[in-house]
C-alpha atoms as a PDB file:
ATOM      1  CA  MET A   1      -0.341 112.404 -58.944  1.00  0.00           C
ATOM      2  CA  LYS A   2      -0.928 115.301 -56.553  1.00  0.00           C
ATOM      3  CA  SER A   3      -3.303 113.222 -54.334  1.00  0.00           C
ATOM      4  CA  PHE A   4      -0.624 110.280 -54.331  1.00  0.00           C
ATOM      5  CA  ILE A   5       2.179 112.706 -53.307  1.00  0.00           C
ATOM      6  CA  THR A   6      -0.110 114.264 -50.539  1.00  0.00           C
ATOM      7  CA  ILE A   7      -1.298 110.566 -49.221  1.00  0.00           C
ATOM      8  CA  THR A   8       2.378 109.636 -49.390  1.00  0.00           C
ATOM      9  CA  VAL A   9       3.440 112.598 -47.304  1.00  0.00           C
ATOM     10  CA  PHE A  10       0.934 111.961 -44.683  1.00  0.00           C
ATOM     11  CA  LEU A  11       1.398 108.482 -44.175  1.00  0.00           C
ATOM     12  CA  SER A  12       5.254 109.098 -44.200  1.00  0.00           C
ATOM     13  CA  SER A  13       4.517 111.763 -41.334  1.00  0.00           C
ATOM     14  CA  LEU A  14       2.765 109.158 -39.435  1.00  0.00           C
ATOM     15  CA  ILE A  15       5.189 106.420 -39.785  1.00  0.00           C
ATOM     16  CA  PHE A  16       7.726 109.059 -38.589  1.00  0.00           C
ATOM     17  CA  ALA A  17       5.740 109.956 -35.486  1.00  0.00           C
ATOM     18  CA  GLU A  18       5.296 106.467 -34.433  1.00  0.00           C
ATOM     19  CA  GLU A  19       9.174 106.170 -34.523  1.00  0.00           C
ATOM     20  CA  VAL A  20       9.421 108.791 -31.521  1.00  0.00           C
ATOM     21  CA  PRO A  21       8.687 106.993 -28.256  1.00  0.00           C
ATOM     22  CA  GLN A  22       6.568 108.727 -25.918  1.00  0.00           C
ATOM     23  CA  PHE A  23       8.129 110.602 -22.751  1.00  0.00           C
ATOM     24  CA  ASP A  24       6.492 109.364 -19.789  1.00  0.00           C
ATOM     25  CA  GLY A  25       6.397 112.325 -17.395  1.00  0.00           C
ATOM     26  CA  GLY A  26       5.043 110.189 -14.348  1.00  0.00           C
ATOM     27  CA  ARG A  27       7.881 107.806 -14.411  1.00  0.00           C
ATOM     28  CA  ALA A  28      10.156 111.019 -14.732  1.00  0.00           C
ATOM     29  CA  TYR A  29       8.507 112.580 -11.440  1.00  0.00           C
ATOM     30  CA  GLY A  30       9.070 108.999  -9.850  1.00  0.00           C
ATOM     31  CA  PHE A  31      12.795 109.472 -10.523  1.00  0.00           C
ATOM     32  CA  LEU A  32      12.934 113.078  -9.255  1.00  0.00           C
ATOM     33  CA  LYS A  33      11.388 111.884  -6.016  1.00  0.00           C
ATOM     34  CA  ALA A  34      13.823 109.013  -5.805  1.00  0.00           C
ATOM     35  CA  GLN A  35      16.385 111.480  -5.509  1.00  0.00           C
ATOM     36  CA  CYS A  36      14.918 113.756  -3.187  1.00  0.00           C
ATOM     37  CA  ASP A  37      14.254 110.802  -0.846  1.00  0.00           C
ATOM     38  CA  PHE A  38      18.054 110.446  -0.367  1.00  0.00           C
ATOM     39  CA  GLY A  39      17.975 113.952   1.147  1.00  0.00           C
ATOM     40  CA  PRO A  40      20.090 116.755  -0.209  1.00  0.00           C
ATOM     41  CA  ARG A  41      22.901 115.584  -2.691  1.00  0.00           C
ATOM     42  CA  VAL A  42      25.564 117.735  -1.149  1.00  0.00           C
ATOM     43  CA  PRO A  43      29.076 116.498  -1.975  1.00  0.00           C
ATOM     44  CA  GLY A  44      30.394 114.730   1.181  1.00  0.00           C
ATOM     45  CA  THR A  45      27.183 113.610   2.548  1.00  0.00           C
ATOM     46  CA  SER A  46      25.403 110.189   2.499  1.00  0.00           C
ATOM     47  CA  GLY A  47      22.627 111.688   0.306  1.00  0.00           C
ATOM     48  CA  HIS A  48      25.355 112.697  -2.225  1.00  0.00           C
ATOM     49  CA  ARG A  49      26.836 108.764  -2.192  1.00  0.00           C
ATOM     50  CA  LYS A  50      23.191 107.612  -2.487  1.00  0.00           C
ATOM     51  CA  GLY A  51      22.401 109.842  -5.425  1.00  0.00           C
ATOM     52  CA  LEU A  52      25.453 108.744  -7.202  1.00  0.00           C
ATOM     53  CA  ARG A  53      24.761 104.976  -6.512  1.00  0.00           C
ATOM     54  CA  HIS A  54      21.255 105.353  -7.991  1.00  0.00           C
ATOM     55  CA  ILE A  55      22.237 107.322 -11.071  1.00  0.00           C
ATOM     56  CA  VAL A  56      24.856 104.574 -11.765  1.00  0.00           C
ATOM     57  CA  GLN A  57      22.503 101.637 -10.901  1.00  0.00           C
ATOM     58  CA  THR A  58      19.851 103.122 -13.148  1.00  0.00           C
ATOM     59  CA  VAL A  59      21.714 103.847 -16.504  1.00  0.00           C
ATOM     60  CA  THR A  60      24.274 100.813 -16.294  1.00  0.00           C
ATOM     61  CA  PRO A  61      21.729  98.303 -17.326  1.00  0.00           C
ATOM     62  CA  LEU A  62      20.314 100.684 -20.269  1.00  0.00           C
ATOM     63  CA  ALA A  63      23.403 102.663 -21.834  1.00  0.00           C
ATOM     64  CA  ASP A  64      25.956 100.574 -24.078  1.00  0.00           C
ATOM     65  CA  THR A  65      28.860 102.165 -22.044  1.00  0.00           C
ATOM     66  CA  VAL A  66      29.004 104.114 -18.736  1.00  0.00           C
ATOM     67  CA  ILE A  67      32.091 106.551 -17.806  1.00  0.00           C
ATOM     68  CA  GLN A  68      32.366 107.675 -14.240  1.00  0.00           C
ATOM     69  CA  GLN A  69      34.735 110.440 -14.161  1.00  0.00           C
ATOM     70  CA  SER A  70      35.970 110.776 -10.431  1.00  0.00           C
ATOM     71  CA  PHE A  71      38.130 113.655  -9.319  1.00  0.00           C
ATOM     72  CA  SER A  72      39.225 115.506  -6.113  1.00  0.00           C
ATOM     73  CA  HIS A  73      37.969 119.035  -5.510  1.00  0.00           C
ATOM     74  CA  SER A  74      39.379 121.154  -2.634  1.00  0.00           C
ATOM     75  CA  ASP A  75      36.584 123.355  -1.324  1.00  0.00           C
ATOM     76  CA  VAL A  76      38.008 126.933  -0.823  1.00  0.00           C
ATOM     77  CA  TYR A  77      35.317 127.748   1.856  1.00  0.00           C
ATOM     78  CA  SER A  78      35.540 124.798   4.404  1.00  0.00           C
ATOM     79  CA  GLY A  79      39.139 123.513   3.364  1.00  0.00           C
ATOM     80  CA  LYS A  80      37.837 119.953   2.749  1.00  0.00           C
ATOM     81  CA  LEU A  81      38.858 117.728  -0.115  1.00  0.00           C
ATOM     82  CA  PHE A  82      35.453 116.436  -1.584  1.00  0.00           C
ATOM     83  CA  LYS A  83      35.329 113.439  -4.194  1.00  0.00           C
ATOM     84  CA  LEU A  84      33.160 114.562  -7.058  1.00  0.00           C
ATOM     85  CA  THR A  85      32.063 112.234 -10.136  1.00  0.00           C
ATOM     86  CA  ASN A  86      30.472 112.952 -13.554  1.00  0.00           C
ATOM     87  CA  VAL A  87      28.663 110.325 -14.754  1.00  0.00           C
ATOM     88  CA  LEU A  88      28.444 109.840 -18.654  1.00  0.00           C
ATOM     89  CA  ALA A  89      25.730 107.203 -19.931  1.00  0.00           C
ATOM     90  CA  ARG A  90      26.891 106.584 -23.599  1.00  0.00           C
ATOM     91  CA  PHE A  91      24.489 105.360 -26.364  1.00  0.00           C
ATOM     92  CA  ARG A  92      26.391 104.395 -29.580  1.00  0.00           C
ATOM     93  CA  PRO A  93      29.808 105.317 -28.145  1.00  0.00           C
ATOM     94  CA  THR A  94      31.697 105.159 -31.177  1.00  0.00           C
ATOM     95  CA  GLU A  95      29.463 107.192 -33.473  1.00  0.00           C
ATOM     96  CA  LYS A  96      31.087 110.386 -34.381  1.00  0.00           C
ATOM     97  CA  ASN A  97      27.841 112.280 -35.159  1.00  0.00           C
ATOM     98  CA  ARG A  98      26.877 112.554 -31.468  1.00  0.00           C
ATOM     99  CA  ILE A  99      25.351 115.072 -28.954  1.00  0.00           C
ATOM    100  CA  TRP A 100      25.353 115.367 -25.054  1.00  0.00           C
ATOM    101  CA  ILE A 101      22.116 116.014 -23.029  1.00  0.00           C
ATOM    102  CA  ALA A 102      23.448 117.165 -19.498  1.00  0.00           C
ATOM    103  CA  ALA A 103      21.919 117.979 -16.191  1.00  0.00           C
ATOM    104  CA  HIS A 104      23.776 118.481 -12.903  1.00  0.00           C
ATOM    105  CA  TRP A 105      22.838 116.131 -10.196  1.00  0.00           C
ATOM    106  CA  ASP A 106      24.185 117.505  -6.827  1.00  0.00           C
ATOM    107  CA  SER A 107      22.245 120.139  -4.719  1.00  0.00           C
ATOM    108  CA  ARG A 108      23.062 123.227  -3.091  1.00  0.00           C
ATOM    109  CA  PRO A 109      25.017 123.007   0.407  1.00  0.00           C
ATOM    110  CA  TRP A 110      23.147 126.335   1.784  1.00  0.00           C
ATOM    111  CA  ALA A 111      19.797 127.768   1.047  1.00  0.00           C
ATOM    112  CA  ASP A 112      21.228 131.189   0.934  1.00  0.00           C
ATOM    113  CA  GLN A 113      18.313 132.770  -0.648  1.00  0.00           C
ATOM    114  CA  ASP A 114      15.860 131.505   1.816  1.00  0.00           C
ATOM    115  CA  ARG A 115      13.290 134.249   3.018  1.00  0.00           C
ATOM    116  CA  ASN A 116      13.708 132.965   6.507  1.00  0.00           C
ATOM    117  CA  PRO A 117      17.400 133.924   7.643  1.00  0.00           C
ATOM    118  CA  LYS A 118      17.411 130.823   9.947  1.00  0.00           C
ATOM    119  CA  ASN A 119      17.068 128.495   6.981  1.00  0.00           C
ATOM    120  CA  ARG A 120      20.136 130.015   5.261  1.00  0.00           C
ATOM    121  CA  SER A 121      22.731 127.720   6.694  1.00  0.00           C
ATOM    122  CA  LYS A 122      20.601 124.648   5.791  1.00  0.00           C
ATOM    123  CA  PRO A 123      21.124 122.304   2.624  1.00  0.00           C
ATOM    124  CA  VAL A 124      18.813 122.578  -0.345  1.00  0.00           C
ATOM    125  CA  LEU A 125      16.891 119.671  -1.419  1.00  0.00           C
ATOM    126  CA  GLY A 126      17.023 120.493  -4.940  1.00  0.00           C
ATOM    127  CA  ALA A 127      13.857 118.663  -6.443  1.00  0.00           C
ATOM    128  CA  ASN A 128      13.978 121.468  -9.244  1.00  0.00           C
ATOM    129  CA  ASP A 129      17.421 122.767  -9.172  1.00  0.00           C
ATOM    130  CA  GLY A 130      19.133 119.179  -9.643  1.00  0.00           C
ATOM    131  CA  ALA A 131      16.765 116.291  -9.470  1.00  0.00           C
ATOM    132  CA  SER A 132      14.229 117.548 -12.241  1.00  0.00           C
ATOM    133  CA  GLY A 133      17.243 117.424 -14.897  1.00  0.00           C
ATOM    134  CA  VAL A 134      18.460 114.105 -13.380  1.00  0.00           C
ATOM    135  CA  ALA A 135      14.898 112.611 -13.801  1.00  0.00           C
ATOM    136  CA  VAL A 136      14.518 113.803 -17.617  1.00  0.00           C
ATOM    137  CA  LEU A 137      17.998 111.946 -18.251  1.00  0.00           C
ATOM    138  CA  MET A 138      16.833 108.822 -16.452  1.00  0.00           C
ATOM    139  CA  GLU A 139      13.654 108.573 -18.727  1.00  0.00           C
ATOM    140  CA  LEU A 140      15.702 109.488 -22.043  1.00  0.00           C
ATOM    141  CA  ALA A 141      17.752 106.586 -21.212  1.00  0.00           C
ATOM    142  CA  HIS A 142      14.984 104.398 -20.625  1.00  0.00           C
ATOM    143  CA  HIS A 143      13.925 104.907 -24.313  1.00  0.00           C
ATOM    144  CA  LEU A 144      17.438 105.255 -25.753  1.00  0.00           C
ATOM    145  CA  SER A 145      17.841 101.581 -24.479  1.00  0.00           C
ATOM    146  CA  LYS A 146      14.948 100.240 -26.131  1.00  0.00           C
ATOM    147  CA  GLN A 147      15.329 102.314 -29.607  1.00  0.00           C
ATOM    148  CA  SER A 148      18.644 102.864 -30.785  1.00  0.00           C
ATOM    149  CA  PRO A 149      18.885 106.563 -31.944  1.00  0.00           C
ATOM    150  CA  SER A 150      20.825 107.254 -35.432  1.00  0.00           C
ATOM    151  CA  ILE A 151      23.116 109.322 -33.767  1.00  0.00           C
ATOM    152  CA  GLY A 152      25.423 109.012 -30.884  1.00  0.00           C
ATOM    153  CA  VAL A 153      23.926 110.230 -27.421  1.00  0.00           C
ATOM    154  CA  ASP A 154      25.731 110.902 -24.205  1.00  0.00           C
ATOM    155  CA  LEU A 155      23.686 111.606 -21.091  1.00  0.00           C
ATOM    156  CA  VAL A 156      25.966 113.631 -18.946  1.00  0.00           C
ATOM    157  CA  PHE A 157      25.152 113.901 -15.116  1.00  0.00           C
ATOM    158  CA  LEU A 158      27.368 116.715 -13.776  1.00  0.00           C
ATOM    159  CA  ASP A 159      28.620 116.977 -10.158  1.00  0.00           C
ATOM    160  CA  GLY A 160      29.839 119.879  -8.105  1.00  0.00           C
ATOM    161  CA  GLU A 161      27.753 122.484 -10.095  1.00  0.00           C
ATOM    162  CA  ASP A 162      26.237 124.296  -7.033  1.00  0.00           C
ATOM    163  CA  MET A 163      29.085 124.619  -4.616  1.00  0.00           C
ATOM    164  CA  GLY A 164      29.910 128.331  -5.102  1.00  0.00           C
ATOM    165  CA  LYS A 165      28.782 131.322  -2.824  1.00  0.00           C
ATOM    166  CA  ALA A 166      26.505 133.860  -4.526  1.00  0.00           C
ATOM    167  CA  GLY A 167      28.797 136.137  -6.829  1.00  0.00           C
ATOM    168  CA  ASP A 168      31.664 133.557  -6.549  1.00  0.00           C
ATOM    169  CA  LEU A 169      31.306 132.164 -10.179  1.00  0.00           C
ATOM    170  CA  GLU A 170      34.875 130.721  -9.901  1.00  0.00           C
ATOM    171  CA  HIS A 171      33.706 128.009  -7.465  1.00  0.00           C
ATOM    172  CA  PHE A 172      30.611 126.885  -9.222  1.00  0.00           C
ATOM    173  CA  PHE A 173      30.401 124.401 -11.873  1.00  0.00           C
ATOM    174  CA  ASN A 174      33.198 122.111 -10.739  1.00  0.00           C
ATOM    175  CA  GLY A 175      32.014 119.045 -12.812  1.00  0.00           C
ATOM    176  CA  SER A 176      31.857 120.767 -16.150  1.00  0.00           C
ATOM    177  CA  ARG A 177      35.196 122.227 -15.605  1.00  0.00           C
ATOM    178  CA  TYR A 178      36.779 118.951 -15.263  1.00  0.00           C
ATOM    179  CA  LEU A 179      34.646 117.487 -18.239  1.00  0.00           C
ATOM    180  CA  ALA A 180      35.477 120.224 -20.326  1.00  0.00           C
ATOM    181  CA  ARG A 181      39.251 119.386 -20.121  1.00  0.00           C
ATOM    182  CA  ASN A 182      38.848 115.805 -20.029  1.00  0.00           C
ATOM    183  CA  ILE A 183      36.196 115.249 -22.991  1.00  0.00           C
ATOM    184  CA  PRO A 184      35.595 111.572 -23.935  1.00  0.00           C
ATOM    185  CA  SER A 185      36.272 110.656 -27.607  1.00  0.00           C
ATOM    186  CA  PRO A 186      34.172 111.242 -29.932  1.00  0.00           C
ATOM    187  CA  MET A 187      33.704 114.887 -29.290  1.00  0.00           C
ATOM    188  CA  PRO A 188      30.069 115.793 -29.474  1.00  0.00           C
ATOM    189  CA  GLU A 189      28.693 118.256 -31.914  1.00  0.00           C
ATOM    190  CA  TYR A 190      26.870 120.145 -29.262  1.00  0.00           C
ATOM    191  CA  CYS A 191      25.302 119.978 -25.842  1.00  0.00           C
ATOM    192  CA  ILE A 192      21.872 120.685 -24.454  1.00  0.00           C
ATOM    193  CA  LEU A 193      21.841 121.395 -20.663  1.00  0.00           C
ATOM    194  CA  VAL A 194      18.522 121.029 -18.893  1.00  0.00           C
ATOM    195  CA  ASP A 195      18.248 122.889 -15.297  1.00  0.00           C
ATOM    196  CA  MET A 196      15.403 123.656 -13.345  1.00  0.00           C
ATOM    197  CA  ILE A 197      12.823 122.174 -15.647  1.00  0.00           C
ATOM    198  CA  GLY A 198      10.501 120.780 -13.233  1.00  0.00           C
ATOM    199  CA  ASP A 199       8.421 123.914 -12.036  1.00  0.00           C
ATOM    200  CA  LYS A 200       4.918 123.369 -11.944  1.00  0.00           C
ATOM    201  CA  ASP A 201       4.295 126.974 -13.828  1.00  0.00           C
ATOM    202  CA  LEU A 202       6.926 126.121 -16.581  1.00  0.00           C
ATOM    203  CA  GLN A 203       7.950 129.008 -18.598  1.00  0.00           C
ATOM    204  CA  LEU A 204      11.027 128.587 -20.888  1.00  0.00           C
ATOM    205  CA  PRO A 205      12.281 131.857 -22.463  1.00  0.00           C
ATOM    206  CA  VAL A 206      15.577 131.632 -24.392  1.00  0.00           C
ATOM    207  CA  GLU A 207      18.362 131.978 -22.233  1.00  0.00           C
ATOM    208  CA  GLY A 208      20.613 134.758 -23.222  1.00  0.00           C
ATOM    209  CA  LYS A 209      24.192 133.264 -22.906  1.00  0.00           C
ATOM    210  CA  SER A 210      22.756 130.209 -25.198  1.00  0.00           C
ATOM    211  CA  ALA A 211      21.421 132.813 -27.902  1.00  0.00           C
ATOM    212  CA  GLU A 212      25.205 134.126 -28.013  1.00  0.00           C
ATOM    213  CA  GLN A 213      27.242 131.137 -28.316  1.00  0.00           C
ATOM    214  CA  ALA A 214      24.573 128.526 -29.982  1.00  0.00           C
ATOM    215  CA  PRO A 215      22.046 130.713 -31.846  1.00  0.00           C
ATOM    216  CA  GLU A 216      21.454 128.147 -34.736  1.00  0.00           C
ATOM    217  CA  LEU A 217      20.862 125.261 -32.190  1.00  0.00           C
ATOM    218  CA  VAL A 218      18.439 127.668 -30.016  1.00  0.00           C
ATOM    219  CA  ASP A 219      16.604 128.492 -33.253  1.00  0.00           C
ATOM    220  CA  GLN A 220      16.290 124.778 -34.153  1.00  0.00           C
ATOM    221  CA  LEU A 221      15.184 123.630 -30.721  1.00  0.00           C
ATOM    222  CA  TRP A 222      12.369 126.518 -30.159  1.00  0.00           C
ATOM    223  CA  THR A 223      11.201 125.673 -33.905  1.00  0.00           C
ATOM    224  CA  GLU A 224      10.644 122.056 -32.932  1.00  0.00           C
ATOM    225  CA  ALA A 225       9.198 123.003 -29.491  1.00  0.00           C
ATOM    226  CA  GLU A 226       6.559 125.220 -31.777  1.00  0.00           C
ATOM    227  CA  ILE A 227       5.920 122.540 -34.169  1.00  0.00           C
ATOM    228  CA  LEU A 228       5.015 120.212 -31.159  1.00  0.00           C
ATOM    229  CA  ASP A 229       3.011 122.920 -29.713  1.00  0.00           C
ATOM    230  CA  LEU A 230       4.801 123.061 -26.608  1.00  0.00           C
ATOM    231  CA  GLN A 231       3.521 126.537 -25.580  1.00  0.00           C
ATOM    232  CA  GLU A 232       5.920 126.586 -22.608  1.00  0.00           C
ATOM    233  CA  PHE A 233       8.896 127.415 -24.765  1.00  0.00           C
ATOM    234  CA  ARG A 234       8.745 131.350 -25.801  1.00  0.00           C
ATOM    235  CA  ARG A 235      11.221 133.130 -28.272  1.00  0.00           C
ATOM    236  CA  ASP A 236      11.939 136.152 -26.023  1.00  0.00           C
ATOM    237  CA  ILE A 237      15.169 136.448 -23.917  1.00  0.00           C
ATOM    238  CA  ASP A 238      14.221 136.985 -20.246  1.00  0.00           C
ATOM    239  CA  TYR A 239      17.743 136.451 -18.523  1.00  0.00           C
ATOM    240  CA  PHE A 240      21.219 135.441 -18.883  1.00  0.00           C
ATOM    241  CA  VAL A 241      22.217 132.612 -16.581  1.00  0.00           C
ATOM    242  CA  GLU A 242      25.798 131.699 -15.672  1.00  0.00           C
ATOM    243  CA  ASP A 243      25.522 127.794 -15.911  1.00  0.00           C
ATOM    244  CA  ASP A 244      27.376 124.521 -16.902  1.00  0.00           C
ATOM    245  CA  HIS A 245      26.742 125.421 -20.608  1.00  0.00           C
ATOM    246  CA  VAL A 246      28.917 128.556 -20.394  1.00  0.00           C
ATOM    247  CA  VAL A 247      31.868 126.580 -19.114  1.00  0.00           C
ATOM    248  CA  LEU A 248      31.418 123.684 -21.705  1.00  0.00           C
ATOM    249  CA  TYR A 249      31.585 126.422 -24.527  1.00  0.00           C
ATOM    250  CA  GLU A 250      34.069 128.554 -23.210  1.00  0.00           C
ATOM    251  CA  GLU A 251      36.636 125.870 -21.717  1.00  0.00           C
ATOM    252  CA  GLY A 252      35.738 122.717 -23.883  1.00  0.00           C
ATOM    253  CA  GLY A 253      34.611 124.415 -27.205  1.00  0.00           C
ATOM    254  CA  ILE A 254      31.478 122.645 -27.091  1.00  0.00           C
ATOM    255  CA  PRO A 255      28.488 124.959 -28.488  1.00  0.00           C
ATOM    256  CA  SER A 256      25.875 124.710 -25.560  1.00  0.00           C
ATOM    257  CA  VAL A 257      22.154 125.554 -25.043  1.00  0.00           C
ATOM    258  CA  ASP A 258      20.675 125.904 -21.674  1.00  0.00           C
ATOM    259  CA  ILE A 259      16.798 125.124 -21.406  1.00  0.00           C
ATOM    260  CA  ILE A 260      16.062 126.389 -17.934  1.00  0.00           C
ATOM    261  CA  ASP A 261      13.199 128.265 -16.363  1.00  0.00           C
ATOM    262  CA  PHE A 262      15.182 130.651 -14.027  1.00  0.00           C
ATOM    263  CA  ARG A 263      12.044 132.193 -12.546  1.00  0.00           C
ATOM    264  CA  TYR A 264      11.076 129.613 -10.027  1.00  0.00           C
ATOM    265  CA  GLY A 265       8.277 130.586  -7.661  1.00  0.00           C
ATOM    266  CA  THR A 266       4.885 132.554  -7.155  1.00  0.00           C
ATOM    267  CA  GLY A 267       6.203 135.662  -8.089  1.00  0.00           C
ATOM    268  CA  LYS A 268       6.038 136.941  -4.718  1.00  0.00           C
ATOM    269  CA  VAL A 269       7.855 133.789  -3.376  1.00  0.00           C
ATOM    270  CA  ASN A 270      10.907 132.492  -4.634  1.00  0.00           C
ATOM    271  CA  TYR A 271      11.951 128.673  -4.167  1.00  0.00           C
ATOM    272  CA  TRP A 272      15.447 128.788  -5.759  1.00  0.00           C
ATOM    273  CA  HIS A 273      18.288 128.191  -3.724  1.00  0.00           C
ATOM    274  CA  THR A 274      15.758 127.857  -0.503  1.00  0.00           C
ATOM    275  CA  VAL A 275      14.608 125.036   1.489  1.00  0.00           C
ATOM    276  CA  GLU A 276      11.309 125.268  -0.203  1.00  0.00           C
ATOM    277  CA  ASP A 277      12.995 123.454  -3.557  1.00  0.00           C
ATOM    278  CA  THR A 278      10.760 120.523  -2.934  1.00  0.00           C
ATOM    279  CA  PRO A 279       9.163 118.031  -5.113  1.00  0.00           C
ATOM    280  CA  ASP A 280       5.541 119.480  -4.369  1.00  0.00           C
ATOM    281  CA  LYS A 281       6.625 122.517  -6.477  1.00  0.00           C
ATOM    282  CA  CYS A 282       7.414 120.152  -9.370  1.00  0.00           C
ATOM    283  CA  SER A 283       5.120 118.447 -11.984  1.00  0.00           C
ATOM    284  CA  PRO A 284       5.260 115.274 -14.257  1.00  0.00           C
ATOM    285  CA  GLY A 285       3.923 117.645 -16.838  1.00  0.00           C
ATOM    286  CA  SER A 286       6.669 120.033 -16.961  1.00  0.00           C
ATOM    287  CA  LEU A 287       9.124 117.266 -17.144  1.00  0.00           C
ATOM    288  CA  ALA A 288       7.154 115.527 -19.994  1.00  0.00           C
ATOM    289  CA  THR A 289       7.340 119.070 -22.020  1.00  0.00           C
ATOM    290  CA  VAL A 290      11.150 119.111 -21.850  1.00  0.00           C
ATOM    291  CA  GLY A 291      11.548 115.515 -22.489  1.00  0.00           C
ATOM    292  CA  THR A 292       9.202 115.286 -25.199  1.00  0.00           C
ATOM    293  CA  LEU A 293      11.187 117.996 -27.163  1.00  0.00           C
ATOM    294  CA  LEU A 294      14.335 116.126 -26.343  1.00  0.00           C
ATOM    295  CA  LEU A 295      12.935 112.916 -27.400  1.00  0.00           C
ATOM    296  CA  HIS A 296      11.915 114.356 -30.975  1.00  0.00           C
ATOM    297  CA  HIS A 297      15.235 116.164 -31.480  1.00  0.00           C
ATOM    298  CA  ILE A 298      17.110 113.058 -30.950  1.00  0.00           C
ATOM    299  CA  TYR A 299      15.105 110.647 -33.071  1.00  0.00           C
ATOM    300  CA  LYS A 300      14.683 113.350 -35.826  1.00  0.00           C
ATOM    301  CA  LYS A 301      18.432 114.068 -35.984  1.00  0.00           C
ATOM    302  CA  LYS A 302      20.436 112.353 -38.938  1.00  0.00           C
END
């Protein structure tokens, strides 16, 4: 009897493993490069318009429903009025048991952290800070369209995240602020935000704000990463980051976790918010690490 049970459990695990699709890091990296080919996706520019069109054209044939949340944003620094757009690609949109996977798709208007002062007024291409999260969500959409999950999933592309000046948090996270006040029904159980997850030297400690506002979800995700032997995930808290997940929790009441590698660079050289945030600093393998965890999380959830 014991042998029979052991064999049954083993076979069940094999069957289950086959039910989880394999994340394609190479295809995801192609999505990353495609975003960067449009140039910086700064609101009010042609790159921003092309980036939005690319997202909508990619997910519309794949998702059950696509919502575009367009809204006007008055920029406090320039006085200009910008059109910003969140995109929600919904799978099983009427299912009440649902989660969000989110990323911001805009890129930063100024490379204010660049080591060369002459570059600090230039826009950021945002290969890692923007396009990497978009790339992972697009690859997830490919699989969700082919293999329906048992839960509802919304892939949330947030706009206007990076429009604030350093230290001026009130003017960052514009898309998530709008979404937090205009949440489509049904409301998600929680949100997993992915940001800056393409770094070639990927390290994913627990982000401190996530541990404070959604400790059970953090433990679940990092435990799943350990089971999958995704060694880039670490249990230590290395930093506290203000990001879209904080807004979604504090203003929208959605427990949210940020999977983020905030230490982006070589140690001596920082690529974050610089003109050096380019595709060559990113890796298909890093995208696959995060995407693999998310696919297992989605298809294991009941």
